[in-house]
Amino acid sequence: PGLGGLQSYAYGQHEGKWLIVGGRLDGLHRRQPFASFDPAGNNNQLIVVDPLAQKIWKSTLTSLSVDIQEHLSSTNMEFHQEGAYLYVLGGYGYRSATNSKITFDKLTAIHIPSVIDAVMKGGSLTPHFRQLSDSQFAVTGGHLKKIRDTYYLLGGNKFDGNYNPKGHGTFTQVYTDAIRKFRLTDDGNAISVTHLPGHNDSNNLHRRDYN
């Protein structure tokens, strides 16, 4: 009760509770360029759910930096939980500095247990988020998985501008046509990324929204 609807979000789990990040509150995007992916429909809050107790806690993102706020309000991000951390990258959303809609080139690391605790108790969120920029992470609608020590970013595209089913030059779109591979090192303070040779296949990997 009271959970509401959400689409194309990222999530992590800790001790039976869910942390839900990003996505949209207004369902399938509208088809008119001026109305599609309206920032008013962004999920600009963190949601914690206890599915057994049927309880929900929410916190706005406003205490975080603008870069983190905007990234975590985007849709169709790629994400993976590794231990206590949720790694969220890419995603399509609104950037206030340019008054435009873009695919974010960000990776944000979220310490799930600390954020869940902060949302539930009203504590500070700021210490529990870190972010870096990398052009290889400007992907939306792909999928992120990890095998042993290597991350695999599968498919997706870089979509900038206003969605328009008719085209008409309101956006640019470049598919990755690839599986991008990288290793990520995180000591809890600094994050470093090492990119590895990927795999390109335009016939089989020209895909978005994980279809």
N, C-alpha and C. Protein backbone atom coordinates (compact mmCIF):
# COMPACT_ATOMS: atom_id res chain seq x y z
N PRO A 1 0.82 -1.21 0.00
CA PRO A 1 0.00 0.00 0.00
C PRO A 1 0.86 1.26 0.00
N GLY A 2 0.53 2.19 -0.90
CA GLY A 2 1.26 3.44 -0.95
C GLY A 2 2.55 3.38 -1.73
N LEU A 3 2.89 2.22 -2.28
CA LEU A 3 4.16 2.10 -3.00
C LEU A 3 4.15 2.95 -4.27
N GLY A 4 3.04 2.93 -5.00
CA GLY A 4 2.99 3.69 -6.25
C GLY A 4 3.65 2.93 -7.38
N GLY A 5 3.63 3.53 -8.56
CA GLY A 5 4.20 2.89 -9.74
C GLY A 5 5.55 3.50 -10.10
N LEU A 6 6.42 2.70 -10.68
CA LEU A 6 7.74 3.16 -11.06
C LEU A 6 8.22 2.35 -12.25
N GLN A 7 8.91 2.99 -13.18
CA GLN A 7 9.38 2.31 -14.39
C GLN A 7 10.86 2.58 -14.61
N SER A 8 11.58 1.55 -15.04
CA SER A 8 12.97 1.68 -15.51
C SER A 8 13.91 2.25 -14.44
N TYR A 9 13.82 1.69 -13.24
CA TYR A 9 14.62 2.12 -12.10
C TYR A 9 15.80 1.18 -11.87
N ALA A 10 16.67 1.54 -10.96
CA ALA A 10 17.75 0.67 -10.47
C ALA A 10 17.43 0.31 -9.03
N TYR A 11 17.99 -0.81 -8.56
CA TYR A 11 17.71 -1.21 -7.19
C TYR A 11 18.87 -2.02 -6.60
N GLY A 12 18.94 -1.98 -5.27
CA GLY A 12 19.85 -2.83 -4.52
C GLY A 12 19.11 -3.38 -3.32
N GLN A 13 19.71 -4.36 -2.64
CA GLN A 13 19.05 -5.01 -1.51
C GLN A 13 20.02 -5.17 -0.35
N HIS A 14 19.48 -5.07 0.86
CA HIS A 14 20.28 -5.30 2.07
C HIS A 14 19.37 -5.76 3.20
N GLU A 15 19.67 -6.93 3.72
CA GLU A 15 18.95 -7.50 4.87
C GLU A 15 17.44 -7.43 4.68
N GLY A 16 16.99 -7.82 3.50
CA GLY A 16 15.57 -7.94 3.24
C GLY A 16 14.88 -6.66 2.80
N LYS A 17 15.60 -5.56 2.80
CA LYS A 17 15.01 -4.29 2.36
C LYS A 17 15.54 -3.93 0.98
N TRP A 18 14.70 -3.22 0.23
CA TRP A 18 15.06 -2.79 -1.12
C TRP A 18 15.35 -1.30 -1.13
N LEU A 19 16.39 -0.92 -1.87
CA LEU A 19 16.67 0.49 -2.14
C LEU A 19 16.40 0.72 -3.62
N ILE A 20 15.48 1.62 -3.93
CA ILE A 20 15.07 1.88 -5.31
C ILE A 20 15.52 3.28 -5.71
N VAL A 21 16.16 3.38 -6.88
CA VAL A 21 16.79 4.62 -7.33
C VAL A 21 16.38 4.90 -8.77
N GLY A 22 16.03 6.15 -9.06
CA GLY A 22 15.82 6.58 -10.44
C GLY A 22 14.55 6.02 -11.05
N GLY A 23 14.47 6.13 -12.37
CA GLY A 23 13.28 5.70 -13.10
C GLY A 23 12.26 6.81 -13.23
N ARG A 24 11.08 6.43 -13.68
CA ARG A 24 10.03 7.43 -13.94
C ARG A 24 8.74 7.05 -13.23
N LEU A 25 8.02 8.12 -12.84
CA LEU A 25 6.77 7.96 -12.10
C LEU A 25 5.55 8.02 -13.00
N ASP A 26 5.73 8.36 -14.29
CA ASP A 26 4.59 8.62 -15.17
C ASP A 26 4.40 7.57 -16.25
N GLY A 27 5.00 6.41 -16.10
CA GLY A 27 4.77 5.33 -17.05
C GLY A 27 5.45 5.57 -18.39
N LEU A 28 4.94 4.91 -19.41
CA LEU A 28 5.54 5.00 -20.75
C LEU A 28 5.58 6.45 -21.21
N HIS A 29 6.72 6.84 -21.78
CA HIS A 29 6.89 8.23 -22.21
C HIS A 29 5.87 8.63 -23.27
N ARG A 30 5.50 9.91 -23.22
CA ARG A 30 4.60 10.45 -24.24
C ARG A 30 5.36 10.60 -25.56
N ARG A 31 4.64 10.72 -26.65
CA ARG A 31 5.26 10.68 -27.97
C ARG A 31 5.58 12.05 -28.54
N GLN A 32 5.06 13.13 -27.92
CA GLN A 32 5.34 14.47 -28.42
C GLN A 32 6.68 14.95 -27.87
N PRO A 33 7.55 15.50 -28.72
CA PRO A 33 8.88 15.92 -28.25
C PRO A 33 8.85 16.87 -27.06
N PHE A 34 7.88 17.77 -27.02
CA PHE A 34 7.85 18.75 -25.93
C PHE A 34 7.40 18.11 -24.61
N ALA A 35 6.78 16.93 -24.68
CA ALA A 35 6.19 16.33 -23.49
C ALA A 35 6.90 15.06 -23.04
N SER A 36 7.64 14.42 -23.94
CA SER A 36 8.24 13.14 -23.59
C SER A 36 9.35 13.31 -22.57
N PHE A 37 9.41 12.40 -21.62
CA PHE A 37 10.42 12.41 -20.55
C PHE A 37 10.47 13.76 -19.83
N ASP A 38 9.31 14.28 -19.53
CA ASP A 38 9.20 15.54 -18.78
C ASP A 38 9.90 15.37 -17.43
N PRO A 39 10.79 16.30 -17.05
CA PRO A 39 11.46 16.19 -15.75
C PRO A 39 10.50 16.08 -14.57
N ALA A 40 9.28 16.56 -14.75
CA ALA A 40 8.29 16.47 -13.67
C ALA A 40 7.95 15.02 -13.34
N GLY A 41 8.22 14.11 -14.28
CA GLY A 41 7.94 12.70 -14.05
C GLY A 41 9.14 11.91 -13.54
N ASN A 42 10.27 12.58 -13.34
CA ASN A 42 11.46 11.89 -12.83
C ASN A 42 11.21 11.39 -11.40
N ASN A 43 11.78 10.26 -11.08
CA ASN A 43 11.80 9.81 -9.68
C ASN A 43 13.01 10.45 -9.01
N ASN A 44 12.81 11.59 -8.39
CA ASN A 44 13.92 12.32 -7.78
C ASN A 44 13.95 12.10 -6.27
N GLN A 45 13.72 10.84 -5.90
CA GLN A 45 13.77 10.46 -4.49
C GLN A 45 14.39 9.07 -4.35
N LEU A 46 14.81 8.75 -3.16
CA LEU A 46 15.26 7.41 -2.82
C LEU A 46 14.13 6.73 -2.08
N ILE A 47 13.86 5.50 -2.45
CA ILE A 47 12.74 4.76 -1.85
C ILE A 47 13.29 3.50 -1.19
N VAL A 48 12.96 3.29 0.06
CA VAL A 48 13.31 2.07 0.78
C VAL A 48 12.02 1.31 1.05
N VAL A 49 12.04 0.01 0.75
CA VAL A 49 10.86 -0.82 0.91
C VAL A 49 11.21 -2.02 1.78
N ASP A 50 10.39 -2.28 2.80
CA ASP A 50 10.45 -3.52 3.55
C ASP A 50 9.24 -4.35 3.10
N PRO A 51 9.45 -5.31 2.19
CA PRO A 51 8.30 -6.01 1.60
C PRO A 51 7.57 -6.92 2.59
N LEU A 52 8.25 -7.37 3.63
CA LEU A 52 7.59 -8.23 4.60
C LEU A 52 6.74 -7.43 5.58
N ALA A 53 7.31 -6.34 6.08
CA ALA A 53 6.55 -5.48 6.99
C ALA A 53 5.61 -4.54 6.25
N GLN A 54 5.75 -4.49 4.92
CA GLN A 54 4.95 -3.60 4.06
C GLN A 54 5.08 -2.15 4.52
N LYS A 55 6.33 -1.73 4.68
CA LYS A 55 6.60 -0.34 5.05
C LYS A 55 7.47 0.32 3.98
N ILE A 56 7.32 1.63 3.84
CA ILE A 56 8.02 2.40 2.82
C ILE A 56 8.58 3.66 3.46
N TRP A 57 9.82 3.99 3.10
CA TRP A 57 10.44 5.25 3.52
C TRP A 57 10.95 5.95 2.27
N LYS A 58 10.89 7.27 2.23
CA LYS A 58 11.34 8.02 1.07
C LYS A 58 12.16 9.22 1.52
N SER A 59 13.11 9.60 0.66
CA SER A 59 13.93 10.78 0.92
C SER A 59 14.24 11.45 -0.40
N THR A 60 14.14 12.75 -0.46
CA THR A 60 14.49 13.46 -1.68
C THR A 60 16.01 13.45 -1.88
N LEU A 61 16.43 13.77 -3.09
CA LEU A 61 17.85 13.81 -3.44
C LEU A 61 18.46 15.19 -3.26
N THR A 62 17.70 16.15 -2.77
CA THR A 62 18.11 17.55 -2.81
C THR A 62 19.35 17.87 -1.98
N SER A 63 19.70 17.02 -1.03
CA SER A 63 20.90 17.28 -0.22
C SER A 63 22.18 16.88 -0.94
N LEU A 64 22.07 16.18 -2.06
CA LEU A 64 23.23 15.71 -2.81
C LEU A 64 23.63 16.74 -3.86
N SER A 65 24.82 16.59 -4.42
CA SER A 65 25.28 17.51 -5.47
C SER A 65 24.34 17.43 -6.66
N VAL A 66 24.32 18.49 -7.46
CA VAL A 66 23.44 18.52 -8.63
C VAL A 66 23.78 17.38 -9.58
N ASP A 67 25.07 17.11 -9.78
CA ASP A 67 25.47 16.03 -10.69
C ASP A 67 24.90 14.69 -10.23
N ILE A 68 24.95 14.42 -8.94
CA ILE A 68 24.42 13.15 -8.43
C ILE A 68 22.90 13.15 -8.47
N GLN A 69 22.29 14.27 -8.10
CA GLN A 69 20.82 14.37 -8.17
C GLN A 69 20.32 14.05 -9.57
N GLU A 70 20.91 14.68 -10.56
CA GLU A 70 20.42 14.53 -11.93
C GLU A 70 20.67 13.13 -12.45
N HIS A 71 21.85 12.58 -12.13
CA HIS A 71 22.14 11.22 -12.59
C HIS A 71 21.16 10.22 -12.00
N LEU A 72 20.90 10.34 -10.70
CA LEU A 72 20.05 9.38 -10.03
C LEU A 72 18.56 9.64 -10.25
N SER A 73 18.23 10.66 -11.04
CA SER A 73 16.85 10.90 -11.46
C SER A 73 16.62 10.43 -12.89
N SER A 74 17.60 9.80 -13.49
CA SER A 74 17.47 9.41 -14.89
C SER A 74 16.78 8.05 -15.01
N THR A 75 16.52 7.66 -16.26
CA THR A 75 15.77 6.44 -16.53
C THR A 75 16.62 5.48 -17.37
N ASN A 76 16.34 4.18 -17.20
CA ASN A 76 17.04 3.14 -17.95
C ASN A 76 18.55 3.17 -17.72
N MET A 77 18.95 3.39 -16.48
CA MET A 77 20.36 3.26 -16.11
C MET A 77 20.74 1.78 -16.11
N GLU A 78 22.03 1.52 -16.24
CA GLU A 78 22.54 0.18 -16.04
C GLU A 78 23.05 0.09 -14.60
N PHE A 79 22.93 -1.07 -13.97
CA PHE A 79 23.31 -1.15 -12.56
C PHE A 79 23.69 -2.57 -12.17
N HIS A 80 24.50 -2.65 -11.13
CA HIS A 80 24.92 -3.95 -10.59
C HIS A 80 25.23 -3.77 -9.11
N GLN A 81 24.79 -4.70 -8.30
CA GLN A 81 25.14 -4.69 -6.88
C GLN A 81 26.32 -5.60 -6.64
N GLU A 82 27.36 -5.04 -6.02
CA GLU A 82 28.55 -5.80 -5.66
C GLU A 82 28.75 -5.64 -4.15
N GLY A 83 28.39 -6.66 -3.40
CA GLY A 83 28.48 -6.57 -1.95
C GLY A 83 27.56 -5.49 -1.43
N ALA A 84 28.13 -4.56 -0.68
CA ALA A 84 27.34 -3.47 -0.08
C ALA A 84 27.11 -2.31 -1.03
N TYR A 85 27.73 -2.36 -2.21
CA TYR A 85 27.66 -1.22 -3.13
C TYR A 85 26.74 -1.48 -4.32
N LEU A 86 25.98 -0.45 -4.66
CA LEU A 86 25.22 -0.44 -5.90
C LEU A 86 25.92 0.51 -6.86
N TYR A 87 26.35 -0.01 -8.00
CA TYR A 87 27.00 0.80 -9.03
C TYR A 87 25.97 1.09 -10.13
N VAL A 88 25.73 2.37 -10.36
CA VAL A 88 24.74 2.82 -11.33
C VAL A 88 25.46 3.66 -12.38
N LEU A 89 25.25 3.36 -13.65
CA LEU A 89 25.93 4.15 -14.68
C LEU A 89 24.97 4.45 -15.83
N GLY A 90 25.31 5.53 -16.55
CA GLY A 90 24.52 5.92 -17.72
C GLY A 90 23.13 6.36 -17.33
N GLY A 91 22.20 6.16 -18.24
CA GLY A 91 20.82 6.58 -18.04
C GLY A 91 20.52 7.88 -18.77
N TYR A 92 19.26 8.06 -19.12
CA TYR A 92 18.79 9.21 -19.89
C TYR A 92 17.96 10.11 -19.00
N GLY A 93 18.28 11.41 -19.01
CA GLY A 93 17.52 12.32 -18.15
C GLY A 93 17.82 13.77 -18.45
N TYR A 94 17.41 14.63 -17.52
CA TYR A 94 17.48 16.07 -17.72
C TYR A 94 18.73 16.65 -17.05
N ARG A 95 19.43 17.51 -17.81
CA ARG A 95 20.60 18.22 -17.29
C ARG A 95 20.28 19.71 -17.25
N SER A 96 20.22 20.26 -16.05
CA SER A 96 19.78 21.64 -15.89
C SER A 96 20.78 22.64 -16.46
N ALA A 97 22.08 22.33 -16.39
CA ALA A 97 23.10 23.29 -16.83
C ALA A 97 22.95 23.63 -18.30
N THR A 98 22.44 22.70 -19.09
CA THR A 98 22.28 22.94 -20.53
C THR A 98 20.81 22.95 -20.95
N ASN A 99 19.92 22.78 -19.97
CA ASN A 99 18.48 22.74 -20.24
C ASN A 99 18.19 21.74 -21.36
N SER A 100 18.74 20.56 -21.22
CA SER A 100 18.60 19.56 -22.26
C SER A 100 18.50 18.17 -21.65
N LYS A 101 18.08 17.23 -22.48
CA LYS A 101 18.01 15.83 -22.07
C LYS A 101 19.17 15.08 -22.71
N ILE A 102 19.87 14.32 -21.89
CA ILE A 102 21.11 13.68 -22.34
C ILE A 102 21.20 12.27 -21.78
N THR A 103 22.15 11.52 -22.32
CA THR A 103 22.58 10.27 -21.69
C THR A 103 23.78 10.60 -20.83
N PHE A 104 23.68 10.35 -19.53
CA PHE A 104 24.73 10.73 -18.59
C PHE A 104 25.96 9.85 -18.73
N ASP A 105 27.14 10.50 -18.64
CA ASP A 105 28.40 9.77 -18.71
C ASP A 105 28.93 9.50 -17.29
N LYS A 106 28.04 9.20 -16.36
CA LYS A 106 28.40 9.09 -14.95
C LYS A 106 28.34 7.65 -14.46
N LEU A 107 29.18 7.36 -13.49
CA LEU A 107 29.05 6.17 -12.66
C LEU A 107 28.93 6.64 -11.22
N THR A 108 27.87 6.23 -10.54
CA THR A 108 27.66 6.61 -9.15
C THR A 108 27.70 5.36 -8.29
N ALA A 109 28.50 5.41 -7.24
CA ALA A 109 28.60 4.31 -6.27
C ALA A 109 27.77 4.67 -5.04
N ILE A 110 26.93 3.74 -4.63
CA ILE A 110 26.01 3.96 -3.52
C ILE A 110 26.26 2.87 -2.47
N HIS A 111 26.53 3.27 -1.24
CA HIS A 111 26.70 2.29 -0.15
C HIS A 111 25.30 1.96 0.38
N ILE A 112 24.79 0.82 0.00
CA ILE A 112 23.38 0.49 0.21
C ILE A 112 22.99 0.47 1.69
N PRO A 113 23.71 -0.24 2.57
CA PRO A 113 23.27 -0.28 3.97
C PRO A 113 23.20 1.10 4.61
N SER A 114 24.18 1.95 4.31
CA SER A 114 24.21 3.29 4.91
C SER A 114 23.08 4.16 4.38
N VAL A 115 22.79 4.05 3.10
CA VAL A 115 21.72 4.86 2.52
C VAL A 115 20.36 4.41 3.03
N ILE A 116 20.15 3.11 3.11
CA ILE A 116 18.89 2.61 3.67
C ILE A 116 18.71 3.14 5.09
N ASP A 117 19.76 3.07 5.89
CA ASP A 117 19.68 3.55 7.27
C ASP A 117 19.38 5.05 7.32
N ALA A 118 20.05 5.81 6.43
CA ALA A 118 19.85 7.26 6.42
C ALA A 118 18.44 7.63 5.98
N VAL A 119 17.91 6.93 4.99
CA VAL A 119 16.55 7.21 4.53
C VAL A 119 15.54 6.88 5.63
N MET A 120 15.74 5.76 6.30
CA MET A 120 14.79 5.34 7.33
C MET A 120 14.83 6.27 8.55
N LYS A 121 16.02 6.78 8.89
CA LYS A 121 16.18 7.56 10.11
C LYS A 121 16.30 9.06 9.86
N GLY A 122 16.29 9.47 8.60
CA GLY A 122 16.41 10.89 8.29
C GLY A 122 17.82 11.43 8.45
N GLY A 123 18.82 10.58 8.28
CA GLY A 123 20.21 11.00 8.43
C GLY A 123 20.78 11.59 7.16
N SER A 124 22.05 11.99 7.23
CA SER A 124 22.72 12.60 6.08
C SER A 124 23.00 11.56 5.00
N LEU A 125 22.71 11.93 3.76
CA LEU A 125 22.95 11.04 2.63
C LEU A 125 24.32 11.25 2.00
N THR A 126 24.85 12.45 2.13
CA THR A 126 26.03 12.88 1.36
C THR A 126 27.23 11.94 1.46
N PRO A 127 27.58 11.41 2.64
CA PRO A 127 28.80 10.59 2.72
C PRO A 127 28.72 9.26 1.98
N HIS A 128 27.55 8.88 1.54
CA HIS A 128 27.35 7.52 1.06
C HIS A 128 27.26 7.42 -0.47
N PHE A 129 27.60 8.52 -1.16
CA PHE A 129 27.56 8.54 -2.62
C PHE A 129 28.88 9.06 -3.15
N ARG A 130 29.40 8.43 -4.19
CA ARG A 130 30.59 8.92 -4.91
C ARG A 130 30.31 8.79 -6.40
N GLN A 131 30.99 9.63 -7.19
CA GLN A 131 30.69 9.66 -8.61
C GLN A 131 31.93 9.96 -9.43
N LEU A 132 31.97 9.39 -10.63
CA LEU A 132 33.01 9.75 -11.60
C LEU A 132 32.38 9.85 -12.98
N SER A 133 33.09 10.51 -13.89
CA SER A 133 32.64 10.67 -15.27
C SER A 133 33.53 9.86 -16.20
N ASP A 134 32.93 9.25 -17.20
CA ASP A 134 33.67 8.45 -18.18
C ASP A 134 32.80 8.33 -19.43
N SER A 135 33.32 8.74 -20.57
CA SER A 135 32.53 8.75 -21.80
C SER A 135 32.04 7.35 -22.18
N GLN A 136 32.74 6.30 -21.77
CA GLN A 136 32.34 4.94 -22.09
C GLN A 136 31.07 4.52 -21.34
N PHE A 137 30.71 5.29 -20.32
CA PHE A 137 29.52 4.96 -19.53
C PHE A 137 28.29 5.74 -19.98
N ALA A 138 28.41 6.52 -21.03
CA ALA A 138 27.26 7.27 -21.56
C ALA A 138 26.40 6.32 -22.39
N VAL A 139 25.67 5.47 -21.68
CA VAL A 139 24.84 4.43 -22.30
C VAL A 139 23.51 4.38 -21.55
N THR A 140 22.42 4.29 -22.29
CA THR A 140 21.12 4.08 -21.67
C THR A 140 20.44 2.89 -22.32
N GLY A 141 19.66 2.16 -21.53
CA GLY A 141 18.92 1.03 -22.08
C GLY A 141 19.77 -0.19 -22.37
N GLY A 142 20.97 -0.27 -21.79
CA GLY A 142 21.78 -1.47 -21.90
C GLY A 142 21.60 -2.34 -20.67
N HIS A 143 22.57 -3.19 -20.41
CA HIS A 143 22.50 -4.09 -19.26
C HIS A 143 23.92 -4.28 -18.73
N LEU A 144 24.05 -4.35 -17.40
CA LEU A 144 25.36 -4.47 -16.76
C LEU A 144 25.41 -5.75 -15.94
N LYS A 145 26.42 -6.57 -16.18
CA LYS A 145 26.64 -7.79 -15.42
C LYS A 145 28.13 -7.91 -15.09
N LYS A 146 28.43 -8.78 -14.13
CA LYS A 146 29.82 -9.01 -13.74
C LYS A 146 30.09 -10.51 -13.73
N ILE A 147 31.21 -10.89 -14.34
CA ILE A 147 31.70 -12.27 -14.28
C ILE A 147 33.11 -12.23 -13.72
N ARG A 148 33.31 -12.89 -12.59
CA ARG A 148 34.57 -12.85 -11.86
C ARG A 148 34.95 -11.39 -11.59
N ASP A 149 36.05 -10.90 -12.15
CA ASP A 149 36.48 -9.54 -11.83
C ASP A 149 36.23 -8.57 -12.99
N THR A 150 35.41 -8.97 -13.95
CA THR A 150 35.19 -8.13 -15.13
C THR A 150 33.71 -7.77 -15.26
N TYR A 151 33.47 -6.48 -15.51
CA TYR A 151 32.11 -5.99 -15.77
C TYR A 151 31.86 -5.99 -17.27
N TYR A 152 30.61 -6.30 -17.64
CA TYR A 152 30.19 -6.34 -19.04
C TYR A 152 28.99 -5.42 -19.22
N LEU A 153 29.18 -4.39 -20.04
CA LEU A 153 28.11 -3.44 -20.35
C LEU A 153 27.58 -3.80 -21.73
N LEU A 154 26.39 -4.38 -21.76
CA LEU A 154 25.86 -4.98 -22.98
C LEU A 154 24.85 -4.07 -23.66
N GLY A 155 25.10 -3.79 -24.93
CA GLY A 155 24.14 -3.06 -25.75
C GLY A 155 23.86 -1.66 -25.27
N GLY A 156 22.68 -1.16 -25.60
CA GLY A 156 22.29 0.19 -25.23
C GLY A 156 22.68 1.21 -26.29
N ASN A 157 22.37 2.46 -26.00
CA ASN A 157 22.67 3.54 -26.94
C ASN A 157 22.91 4.84 -26.19
N LYS A 158 23.49 5.80 -26.90
CA LYS A 158 23.66 7.16 -26.37
C LYS A 158 22.63 8.03 -27.06
N PHE A 159 21.66 8.48 -26.29
CA PHE A 159 20.53 9.23 -26.84
C PHE A 159 20.55 10.61 -26.21
N ASP A 160 20.71 11.65 -27.03
CA ASP A 160 20.74 13.03 -26.56
C ASP A 160 19.69 13.84 -27.30
N GLY A 161 18.94 14.65 -26.57
CA GLY A 161 17.89 15.47 -27.17
C GLY A 161 16.52 14.98 -26.79
N ASN A 162 15.50 15.49 -27.48
CA ASN A 162 14.11 15.18 -27.17
C ASN A 162 13.61 14.02 -28.01
N TYR A 163 13.07 13.01 -27.33
CA TYR A 163 12.50 11.86 -28.03
C TYR A 163 11.43 12.32 -29.01
N ASN A 164 11.45 11.72 -30.20
CA ASN A 164 10.49 12.08 -31.24
C ASN A 164 10.34 10.88 -32.17
N PRO A 165 9.21 10.22 -32.19
CA PRO A 165 9.05 9.03 -33.04
C PRO A 165 9.15 9.35 -34.53
N LYS A 166 9.02 10.63 -34.88
CA LYS A 166 9.10 11.02 -36.30
C LYS A 166 10.52 11.43 -36.70
N GLY A 167 11.42 11.51 -35.73
CA GLY A 167 12.76 11.99 -36.06
C GLY A 167 12.81 13.50 -36.06
N HIS A 168 12.92 14.10 -37.23
CA HIS A 168 12.89 15.55 -37.40
C HIS A 168 14.01 16.27 -36.66
N GLY A 169 15.10 15.61 -36.42
CA GLY A 169 16.29 16.29 -35.90
C GLY A 169 16.21 16.78 -34.47
N THR A 170 15.32 16.22 -33.66
CA THR A 170 15.23 16.68 -32.27
C THR A 170 16.17 15.91 -31.35
N PHE A 171 16.86 14.92 -31.90
CA PHE A 171 17.78 14.13 -31.07
C PHE A 171 18.89 13.52 -31.92
N THR A 172 19.95 13.08 -31.25
CA THR A 172 20.97 12.23 -31.87
C THR A 172 21.00 10.91 -31.11
N GLN A 173 21.29 9.85 -31.83
CA GLN A 173 21.26 8.52 -31.23
C GLN A 173 22.37 7.67 -31.83
N VAL A 174 23.21 7.11 -30.96
CA VAL A 174 24.30 6.24 -31.41
C VAL A 174 24.25 4.97 -30.57
N TYR A 175 24.01 3.85 -31.22
CA TYR A 175 24.04 2.56 -30.53
C TYR A 175 25.49 2.15 -30.26
N THR A 176 25.72 1.46 -29.15
CA THR A 176 27.09 0.98 -28.89
C THR A 176 27.43 -0.18 -29.82
N ASP A 177 26.42 -0.97 -30.20
CA ASP A 177 26.65 -2.18 -31.02
C ASP A 177 27.71 -3.08 -30.40
N ALA A 178 27.79 -3.08 -29.07
CA ALA A 178 28.96 -3.71 -28.44
C ALA A 178 28.66 -4.23 -27.05
N ILE A 179 29.57 -5.09 -26.60
CA ILE A 179 29.73 -5.39 -25.18
C ILE A 179 31.01 -4.68 -24.75
N ARG A 180 30.86 -3.69 -23.88
CA ARG A 180 32.02 -2.98 -23.35
C ARG A 180 32.46 -3.65 -22.05
N LYS A 181 33.75 -3.82 -21.90
CA LYS A 181 34.27 -4.55 -20.74
C LYS A 181 35.19 -3.64 -19.92
N PHE A 182 35.11 -3.76 -18.61
CA PHE A 182 35.99 -2.97 -17.75
C PHE A 182 36.15 -3.64 -16.40
N ARG A 183 37.19 -3.24 -15.71
CA ARG A 183 37.39 -3.65 -14.31
C ARG A 183 37.26 -2.41 -13.44
N LEU A 184 36.72 -2.60 -12.26
CA LEU A 184 36.47 -1.50 -11.34
C LEU A 184 37.12 -1.82 -10.00
N THR A 185 37.93 -0.89 -9.52
CA THR A 185 38.56 -1.04 -8.21
C THR A 185 38.01 0.03 -7.28
N ASP A 186 37.56 -0.39 -6.11
CA ASP A 186 36.92 0.54 -5.17
C ASP A 186 37.37 0.18 -3.76
N ASP A 187 38.09 1.10 -3.12
CA ASP A 187 38.56 0.86 -1.75
C ASP A 187 37.67 1.55 -0.72
N GLY A 188 36.51 2.02 -1.15
CA GLY A 188 35.61 2.72 -0.26
C GLY A 188 35.81 4.22 -0.28
N ASN A 189 36.92 4.67 -0.87
CA ASN A 189 37.19 6.11 -1.02
C ASN A 189 37.34 6.47 -2.48
N ALA A 190 38.30 5.84 -3.14
CA ALA A 190 38.58 6.13 -4.54
C ALA A 190 38.11 4.98 -5.43
N ILE A 191 37.59 5.35 -6.58
CA ILE A 191 37.17 4.37 -7.59
C ILE A 191 38.06 4.55 -8.82
N SER A 192 38.58 3.46 -9.33
CA SER A 192 39.33 3.52 -10.58
C SER A 192 38.76 2.49 -11.55
N VAL A 193 38.79 2.85 -12.83
CA VAL A 193 38.23 2.00 -13.88
C VAL A 193 39.31 1.70 -14.91
N THR A 194 39.43 0.46 -15.28
CA THR A 194 40.34 0.04 -16.35
C THR A 194 39.50 -0.58 -17.46
N HIS A 195 39.51 0.06 -18.63
CA HIS A 195 38.74 -0.46 -19.76
C HIS A 195 39.52 -1.56 -20.47
N LEU A 196 38.81 -2.58 -20.91
CA LEU A 196 39.39 -3.72 -21.60
C LEU A 196 38.85 -3.78 -23.03
N PRO A 197 39.52 -4.48 -23.92
CA PRO A 197 38.98 -4.62 -25.27
C PRO A 197 37.58 -5.23 -25.23
N GLY A 198 36.68 -4.65 -25.98
CA GLY A 198 35.30 -5.11 -25.98
C GLY A 198 34.99 -6.00 -27.17
N HIS A 199 33.71 -6.18 -27.41
CA HIS A 199 33.26 -7.04 -28.51
C HIS A 199 32.18 -6.29 -29.28
N ASN A 200 32.42 -6.03 -30.55
CA ASN A 200 31.47 -5.32 -31.40
C ASN A 200 30.75 -6.29 -32.33
N ASP A 201 29.45 -6.11 -32.44
CA ASP A 201 28.64 -6.96 -33.31
C ASP A 201 27.35 -6.20 -33.61
N SER A 202 27.33 -5.48 -34.72
CA SER A 202 26.17 -4.62 -35.02
C SER A 202 24.93 -5.44 -35.36
N ASN A 203 25.10 -6.68 -35.78
CA ASN A 203 23.94 -7.50 -36.09
C ASN A 203 23.19 -7.94 -34.84
N ASN A 204 23.93 -8.33 -33.80
CA ASN A 204 23.30 -8.90 -32.61
C ASN A 204 23.24 -7.97 -31.42
N LEU A 205 24.02 -6.89 -31.43
CA LEU A 205 24.09 -6.02 -30.27
C LEU A 205 23.53 -4.62 -30.54
N HIS A 206 22.88 -4.44 -31.67
CA HIS A 206 22.22 -3.17 -31.99
C HIS A 206 20.88 -3.15 -31.27
N ARG A 207 20.94 -2.99 -29.93
CA ARG A 207 19.76 -3.15 -29.09
C ARG A 207 19.74 -2.12 -27.98
N ARG A 208 18.54 -1.74 -27.59
CA ARG A 208 18.39 -0.85 -26.44
C ARG A 208 17.22 -1.36 -25.59
N ASP A 209 17.12 -0.81 -24.39
CA ASP A 209 16.05 -1.17 -23.45
C ASP A 209 16.02 -2.68 -23.18
N TYR A 210 17.18 -3.29 -23.32
CA TYR A 210 17.34 -4.72 -23.00
C TYR A 210 16.27 -5.59 -23.66
N ASN A 211 16.03 -5.33 -24.93
CA ASN A 211 15.03 -6.13 -25.62
C ASN A 211 15.62 -7.48 -26.06
